[in-house]
């Protein structure tokens, strides 16, 4: 919302969309009152209404399954659209609730600059995010079936990879056959996604450069790119670390420290960088040497691993923001500067 404070708008609008009806709240820059109008969920009618409003316009929509479609359809009708994070809009939980009230409160939050924006773009790269989301859903389903099969073996006192269920037990044998079929299908579909990722690597320079960082493979590079898309939206590496769940926020008040708190973060990015740190440490590369250097300096194993995860996140952030390949052994430069 920082750009909202820097730019002057004449009209502030908020949409509460549903398949039944649509409420649009409008507030002028002077903030005298909020006007609401109800529409049928007809995108053409809504566009006509927005185009009829004069002056510089900013509009907000809460993040939902239809928010990106609305973003694409309505962007030409206003000067800026903010897709906002509904989790942060706790004000909407106070008092009575209906579509009209929600739209009015969203409009007030927008006018006050209190909304947290969720990144959306017209760029075709945004479709890669949908691809990764579908891949992650497939992996979760596949892992769940494998865990269910393992649970059946454990319940019978058997070892999953060494023992076999007796053929005489028709019910358990039938369950195992169906699970095996699901696992085979999962492996086949997973390979199709990974082939698509390899194709993306050939066409996308940023993904290819991310693969040049020790510990980051093709799938991890695609996941990072899909979640970030535009690294320039992060002010610095510290903001990016927060998004990746690699740092804590300090809580202080009245001169007292109330401990640390984790920010809301992307579980995908945290998993990618934690996994990349373990992969890099297990190989022979520049980051492995950095890990050994940290241990020599007195860091514990867990501290050194966390430091490696943050280092990989930092250099990947730099690759995406500057669009330049990764330079190995950058940590040596940091070591010399600190000496």
Protein backbone atom coordinates (compact mmCIF):
# COMPACT_ATOMS: atom_id res chain seq x y z
CA UNK A 1 0.00 0.00 0.00
CA UNK A 2 2.99 2.37 -0.03
CA UNK A 3 2.27 3.43 -3.60
CA UNK A 4 -1.30 4.18 -2.54
CA UNK A 5 0.04 6.84 -0.13
CA UNK A 6 2.24 8.42 -2.80
CA UNK A 7 -0.43 8.61 -5.51
CA UNK A 8 -3.56 10.74 -5.25
CA UNK A 9 -6.85 9.11 -6.24
CA UNK A 10 -10.25 10.78 -6.66
CA UNK A 11 -12.31 7.63 -6.10
CA UNK A 12 -11.81 4.61 -3.84
CA UNK A 13 -13.84 1.50 -4.72
CA UNK A 14 -14.27 -1.96 -3.21
CA UNK A 15 -16.00 -5.01 -4.70
CA UNK A 16 -17.57 -7.88 -2.79
CA UNK A 17 -18.18 -10.52 -5.46
CA UNK A 18 -20.34 -13.64 -5.33
CA UNK A 19 -22.12 -15.81 -7.90
CA UNK A 20 -25.48 -14.41 -6.68
CA UNK A 21 -24.85 -10.67 -6.56
CA UNK A 22 -22.11 -8.04 -6.42
CA UNK A 23 -21.78 -5.11 -4.03
CA UNK A 24 -19.60 -2.15 -5.02
CA UNK A 25 -18.77 0.50 -2.42
CA UNK A 26 -17.43 3.90 -3.51
CA UNK A 27 -15.84 6.67 -1.49
CA UNK A 28 -14.45 9.99 -2.69
CA UNK A 29 -11.03 11.34 -1.76
CA UNK A 30 -12.73 13.76 0.65
CA UNK A 31 -14.24 10.76 2.47
CA UNK A 32 -17.62 12.38 3.08
CA UNK A 33 -19.67 9.17 2.79
CA UNK A 34 -19.67 5.71 1.26
CA UNK A 35 -22.09 4.93 -1.57
CA UNK A 36 -22.93 1.29 -2.31
CA UNK A 37 -24.59 -0.24 -5.34
CA UNK A 38 -25.78 -3.79 -5.97
CA UNK A 39 -25.35 -5.54 -9.32
CA UNK A 40 -26.01 -8.92 -10.81
CA UNK A 41 -22.73 -10.82 -11.41
CA UNK A 42 -22.56 -9.39 -14.93
CA UNK A 43 -19.03 -8.28 -15.81
CA UNK A 44 -20.23 -6.11 -18.71
CA UNK A 45 -22.59 -4.14 -16.47
CA UNK A 46 -19.89 -3.66 -13.84
CA UNK A 47 -17.43 -2.38 -16.47
CA UNK A 48 -19.99 0.17 -17.67
CA UNK A 49 -20.48 1.41 -14.11
CA UNK A 50 -16.75 1.72 -13.44
CA UNK A 51 -16.14 3.54 -16.73
CA UNK A 52 -18.91 6.02 -15.88
CA UNK A 53 -17.05 7.15 -12.73
CA UNK A 54 -14.86 10.17 -13.39
CA UNK A 55 -11.45 10.89 -11.93
CA UNK A 56 -8.46 8.75 -10.92
CA UNK A 57 -9.75 5.45 -9.50
CA UNK A 58 -8.27 2.77 -7.25
CA UNK A 59 -10.17 -0.42 -6.46
CA UNK A 60 -9.72 -3.37 -4.11
CA UNK A 61 -10.92 -6.98 -4.25
CA UNK A 62 -10.27 -9.64 -1.61
CA UNK A 63 -8.17 -12.62 -2.69
CA UNK A 64 -10.50 -15.48 -3.74
CA UNK A 65 -10.65 -18.09 -6.49
CA UNK A 66 -12.19 -15.50 -8.85
CA UNK A 67 -9.98 -12.53 -7.90
CA UNK A 68 -7.39 -12.99 -10.68
CA UNK A 69 -10.13 -13.21 -13.32
CA UNK A 70 -11.65 -9.98 -11.96
CA UNK A 71 -8.19 -8.39 -11.91
CA UNK A 72 -7.67 -9.16 -15.61
CA UNK A 73 -11.21 -8.14 -16.63
CA UNK A 74 -11.45 -4.86 -14.70
CA UNK A 75 -7.89 -3.50 -14.83
CA UNK A 76 -8.64 -1.31 -17.86
CA UNK A 77 -11.62 0.29 -16.07
CA UNK A 78 -9.62 1.77 -13.17
CA UNK A 79 -6.12 3.18 -12.62
CA UNK A 80 -5.06 0.55 -10.10
CA UNK A 81 -6.42 -2.66 -8.57
CA UNK A 82 -5.25 -4.03 -5.23
CA UNK A 83 -5.99 -7.68 -4.53
CA UNK A 84 -5.90 -7.68 -0.73
CA UNK A 85 -5.22 -10.37 1.86
CA UNK A 86 -8.50 -11.31 3.62
CA UNK A 87 -6.54 -12.74 6.56
CA UNK A 88 -5.38 -9.25 7.48
CA UNK A 89 -8.82 -7.67 7.26
CA UNK A 90 -9.80 -8.53 10.83
CA UNK A 91 -11.97 -5.40 10.92
CA UNK A 92 -14.43 -7.31 8.75
CA UNK A 93 -15.06 -9.69 11.65
CA UNK A 94 -16.54 -6.98 13.86
CA UNK A 95 -20.28 -6.36 14.05
CA UNK A 96 -22.91 -7.60 11.60
CA UNK A 97 -21.79 -9.10 8.29
CA UNK A 98 -23.28 -9.06 4.80
CA UNK A 99 -22.03 -8.21 1.31
CA UNK A 100 -22.93 -4.53 1.62
CA UNK A 101 -21.18 -4.11 4.97
CA UNK A 102 -18.12 -6.02 3.76
CA UNK A 103 -17.81 -3.78 0.69
CA UNK A 104 -18.13 -0.64 2.83
CA UNK A 105 -15.46 -1.80 5.27
CA UNK A 106 -13.11 -2.77 2.44
CA UNK A 107 -13.57 0.69 0.98
CA UNK A 108 -12.67 2.27 4.35
CA UNK A 109 -9.58 0.08 4.69
CA UNK A 110 -8.51 1.01 1.16
CA UNK A 111 -9.01 4.75 1.77
CA UNK A 112 -6.99 4.48 5.02
CA UNK A 113 -4.12 2.59 3.37
CA UNK A 114 -4.49 -0.41 5.71
CA UNK A 115 -4.75 -3.23 3.18
CA UNK A 116 -2.04 -5.79 2.55
CA UNK A 117 -1.67 -6.46 -1.17
CA UNK A 118 -1.54 -9.95 -2.68
CA UNK A 119 0.60 -10.02 -5.83
CA UNK A 120 -1.20 -10.39 -9.18
CA UNK A 121 0.05 -9.77 -12.70
CA UNK A 122 -1.16 -9.83 -16.30
CA UNK A 123 2.08 -11.53 -17.31
CA UNK A 124 1.76 -15.06 -18.74
CA UNK A 125 4.35 -16.13 -16.16
CA UNK A 126 1.52 -16.00 -13.64
CA UNK A 127 0.26 -19.25 -15.22
CA UNK A 128 3.42 -20.95 -13.95
CA UNK A 129 2.09 -20.33 -10.44
CA UNK A 130 -1.04 -22.30 -11.34
CA UNK A 131 1.13 -25.09 -12.75
CA UNK A 132 3.16 -25.34 -9.53
CA UNK A 133 0.00 -25.24 -7.43
CA UNK A 134 -1.43 -28.19 -9.39
CA UNK A 135 1.89 -30.06 -9.04
CA UNK A 136 1.94 -29.54 -5.26
CA UNK A 137 -1.65 -30.78 -4.99
CA UNK A 138 -0.67 -33.91 -6.96
CA UNK A 139 2.35 -34.56 -4.71
CA UNK A 140 0.25 -34.18 -1.55
CA UNK A 141 -2.27 -36.69 -2.88
CA UNK A 142 0.49 -39.13 -3.87
CA UNK A 143 2.25 -38.88 -0.52
CA UNK A 144 -1.08 -39.41 1.26
CA UNK A 145 -1.70 -42.68 -0.63
CA UNK A 146 1.84 -43.89 0.12
CA UNK A 147 1.37 -43.11 3.82
CA UNK A 148 -1.95 -44.98 3.83
CA UNK A 149 -0.28 -48.03 2.32
CA UNK A 150 2.51 -47.85 4.88
CA UNK A 151 -0.09 -47.58 7.68
CA UNK A 152 -1.76 -50.81 6.57
CA UNK A 153 1.56 -52.64 6.80
CA UNK A 154 2.35 -51.21 10.23
CA UNK A 155 -1.12 -52.17 11.50
CA UNK A 156 -0.36 -55.78 10.53
CA UNK A 157 3.11 -55.72 12.08
CA UNK A 158 4.77 -55.86 8.68
CA UNK A 159 7.66 -53.89 7.21
CA UNK A 160 6.56 -51.74 4.29
CA UNK A 161 9.46 -52.45 1.90
CA UNK A 162 10.43 -55.97 2.95
CA UNK A 163 7.27 -57.92 3.87
CA UNK A 164 4.17 -58.71 1.83
CA UNK A 165 0.50 -58.95 2.70
CA UNK A 166 -0.77 -62.54 2.49
CA UNK A 167 -2.82 -63.27 -0.63
CA UNK A 168 -5.32 -65.15 1.50
CA UNK A 169 -6.36 -61.85 3.10
CA UNK A 170 -8.64 -60.72 0.27
CA UNK A 171 -9.71 -57.39 1.78
CA UNK A 172 -6.20 -56.11 2.53
CA UNK A 173 -4.90 -57.49 -0.77
CA UNK A 174 -7.65 -55.63 -2.63
CA UNK A 175 -6.84 -52.37 -0.79
CA UNK A 176 -3.15 -52.77 -1.59
CA UNK A 177 -3.88 -53.37 -5.29
CA UNK A 178 -5.94 -50.19 -5.51
CA UNK A 179 -3.28 -48.22 -3.67
CA UNK A 180 -0.54 -49.58 -5.94
CA UNK A 181 -2.58 -48.52 -8.98
CA UNK A 182 -2.98 -45.02 -7.50
CA UNK A 183 0.75 -44.81 -6.76
CA UNK A 184 1.66 -45.86 -10.32
CA UNK A 185 -0.72 -43.24 -11.71
CA UNK A 186 0.77 -40.64 -9.38
CA UNK A 187 4.33 -41.43 -10.49
CA UNK A 188 3.34 -41.18 -14.16
CA UNK A 189 1.57 -37.84 -13.70
CA UNK A 190 4.43 -36.50 -11.58
CA UNK A 191 6.88 -37.31 -14.38
CA UNK A 192 4.69 -35.34 -16.84
CA UNK A 193 4.85 -32.27 -14.60
CA UNK A 194 8.61 -32.60 -14.21
CA UNK A 195 8.99 -32.83 -18.00
CA UNK A 196 7.04 -29.59 -18.25
CA UNK A 197 9.40 -28.03 -15.69
CA UNK A 198 12.38 -29.06 -17.79
CA UNK A 199 10.79 -27.41 -20.83
CA UNK A 200 10.25 -24.21 -18.83
CA UNK A 201 13.91 -24.24 -17.82
CA UNK A 202 14.96 -24.24 -21.49
CA UNK A 203 12.72 -21.25 -22.30
CA UNK A 204 13.02 -19.17 -19.12
CA UNK A 205 16.40 -17.52 -18.43
CA UNK A 206 15.65 -16.78 -14.77
CA UNK A 207 14.74 -20.40 -14.01
CA UNK A 208 17.90 -21.54 -15.81
CA UNK A 209 20.03 -19.12 -13.76
CA UNK A 210 18.41 -20.28 -10.51
CA UNK A 211 19.47 -23.84 -11.38
CA UNK A 212 23.06 -22.56 -11.36
CA UNK A 213 22.90 -22.08 -7.58
CA UNK A 214 24.26 -25.04 -5.61
CA UNK A 215 21.45 -27.07 -4.07
CA UNK A 216 18.68 -25.83 -6.38
CA UNK A 217 17.37 -28.27 -8.99
CA UNK A 218 14.90 -27.73 -11.82
CA UNK A 219 11.75 -28.39 -9.79
CA UNK A 220 12.92 -26.13 -6.95
CA UNK A 221 13.85 -23.36 -9.40
CA UNK A 222 10.40 -23.46 -11.00
CA UNK A 223 8.76 -23.35 -7.55
CA UNK A 224 10.81 -20.31 -6.54
CA UNK A 225 10.08 -18.50 -9.78
CA UNK A 226 6.35 -19.31 -9.56
CA UNK A 227 6.01 -17.95 -6.03
CA UNK A 228 8.09 -14.81 -6.63
CA UNK A 229 7.67 -13.94 -10.35
CA UNK A 230 8.84 -10.34 -9.73
CA UNK A 231 11.59 -10.07 -7.09
CA UNK A 232 11.46 -6.28 -7.37
CA UNK A 233 8.32 -6.22 -5.23
CA UNK A 234 10.48 -7.08 -2.20
CA UNK A 235 12.27 -4.04 -0.81
CA UNK A 236 15.35 -5.96 0.32
CA UNK A 237 16.64 -9.40 1.27
CA UNK A 238 15.19 -9.11 4.78
CA UNK A 239 11.66 -8.70 3.42
CA UNK A 240 12.31 -11.69 1.16
CA UNK A 241 13.58 -13.77 4.08
CA UNK A 242 10.34 -12.96 5.90
CA UNK A 243 8.34 -14.22 2.92
CA UNK A 244 10.42 -17.43 3.00
CA UNK A 245 9.91 -17.98 6.75
CA UNK A 246 13.65 -17.82 7.42
CA UNK A 247 13.59 -15.03 10.03
CA UNK A 248 11.60 -14.06 13.13
CA UNK A 249 10.05 -10.74 14.11
CA UNK A 250 11.04 -9.28 17.48
CA UNK A 251 8.13 -8.21 19.70
CA UNK A 252 8.94 -5.27 21.97
CA UNK A 253 6.82 -2.79 23.91
CA UNK A 254 7.58 -0.40 26.75
CA UNK A 255 11.24 -1.36 26.72
CA UNK A 256 10.42 -5.03 27.27
CA UNK A 257 11.12 -7.90 24.90
CA UNK A 258 8.16 -10.27 24.42
CA UNK A 259 10.03 -12.86 22.38
CA UNK A 260 9.99 -13.63 18.70
CA UNK A 261 7.18 -14.26 16.26
CA UNK A 262 7.24 -15.89 12.83
CA UNK A 263 5.74 -13.82 10.00
CA UNK A 264 3.17 -15.29 7.66
CA UNK A 265 5.27 -16.95 5.01
CA UNK A 266 5.21 -19.22 1.96
CA UNK A 267 5.56 -22.84 3.05
CA UNK A 268 6.71 -23.72 -0.46
CA UNK A 269 9.64 -21.27 -0.38
CA UNK A 270 10.68 -22.32 3.12
CA UNK A 271 10.66 -25.98 2.11
CA UNK A 272 12.62 -25.25 -1.07
CA UNK A 273 15.39 -23.34 0.71
CA UNK A 274 15.65 -25.76 3.62
CA UNK A 275 15.90 -28.66 1.15
CA UNK A 276 18.39 -26.75 -1.00
CA UNK A 277 20.59 -26.14 2.05
CA UNK A 278 20.71 -29.86 2.86
CA UNK A 279 21.43 -30.73 -0.79
CA UNK A 280 24.23 -28.17 -1.05
CA UNK A 281 25.81 -29.25 2.23
CA UNK A 282 25.82 -32.87 1.04
CA UNK A 283 27.79 -32.11 -2.11
CA UNK A 284 31.18 -30.70 -3.11
CA UNK A 285 30.60 -27.08 -4.00
CA UNK A 286 31.16 -23.49 -2.86
CA UNK A 287 28.23 -23.56 -0.43
CA UNK A 288 29.56 -26.71 1.23
CA UNK A 289 32.80 -24.82 1.86
CA UNK A 290 30.82 -21.91 3.31
CA UNK A 291 29.06 -24.37 5.66
CA UNK A 292 32.41 -25.74 6.85
CA UNK A 293 33.65 -22.17 7.36
CA UNK A 294 30.62 -21.39 9.57
CA UNK A 295 31.28 -24.50 11.67
CA UNK A 296 34.91 -23.44 12.09
CA UNK A 297 33.70 -20.02 13.30
CA UNK A 298 31.78 -21.71 16.13
CA UNK A 299 28.25 -21.97 14.72
CA UNK A 300 26.28 -25.03 15.73
CA UNK A 301 25.12 -27.44 13.03
CA UNK A 302 21.55 -26.10 13.15
CA UNK A 303 22.72 -22.46 13.11
CA UNK A 304 25.01 -23.15 10.15
CA UNK A 305 22.21 -24.88 8.22
CA UNK A 306 19.86 -21.96 8.82
CA UNK A 307 22.58 -19.57 7.70
CA UNK A 308 23.07 -21.61 4.51
CA UNK A 309 19.31 -21.57 3.80
CA UNK A 310 19.28 -17.77 4.18
CA UNK A 311 22.38 -17.46 1.98
CA UNK A 312 20.78 -19.50 -0.82
CA UNK A 313 17.60 -17.43 -0.48
CA UNK A 314 19.63 -14.21 -0.63
CA UNK A 315 21.59 -15.13 -3.75
CA UNK A 316 18.48 -16.44 -5.53
CA UNK A 317 16.71 -13.17 -4.67
CA UNK A 318 19.67 -11.32 -6.20
CA UNK A 319 19.58 -13.48 -9.35
CA UNK A 320 15.87 -12.80 -9.87
CA UNK A 321 16.00 -9.10 -9.04
CA UNK A 322 19.13 -8.25 -11.05
CA UNK A 323 18.58 -10.91 -13.74
CA UNK A 324 22.23 -11.92 -13.55
CA UNK A 325 23.75 -15.41 -13.13
CA UNK A 326 24.89 -16.65 -9.74
CA UNK A 327 28.54 -16.06 -8.86
CA UNK A 328 30.01 -18.86 -6.78
CA UNK A 329 32.07 -18.11 -3.68
CA UNK A 330 30.39 -14.76 -2.97
CA UNK A 331 30.60 -15.64 0.71
CA UNK A 332 34.38 -15.20 0.52
CA UNK A 333 33.82 -11.55 -0.38
CA UNK A 334 31.61 -11.14 2.69
CA UNK A 335 34.32 -12.79 4.79
CA UNK A 336 36.97 -10.33 3.54
CA UNK A 337 34.66 -7.35 4.09
CA UNK A 338 34.01 -8.42 7.70
CA UNK A 339 37.72 -9.01 8.41
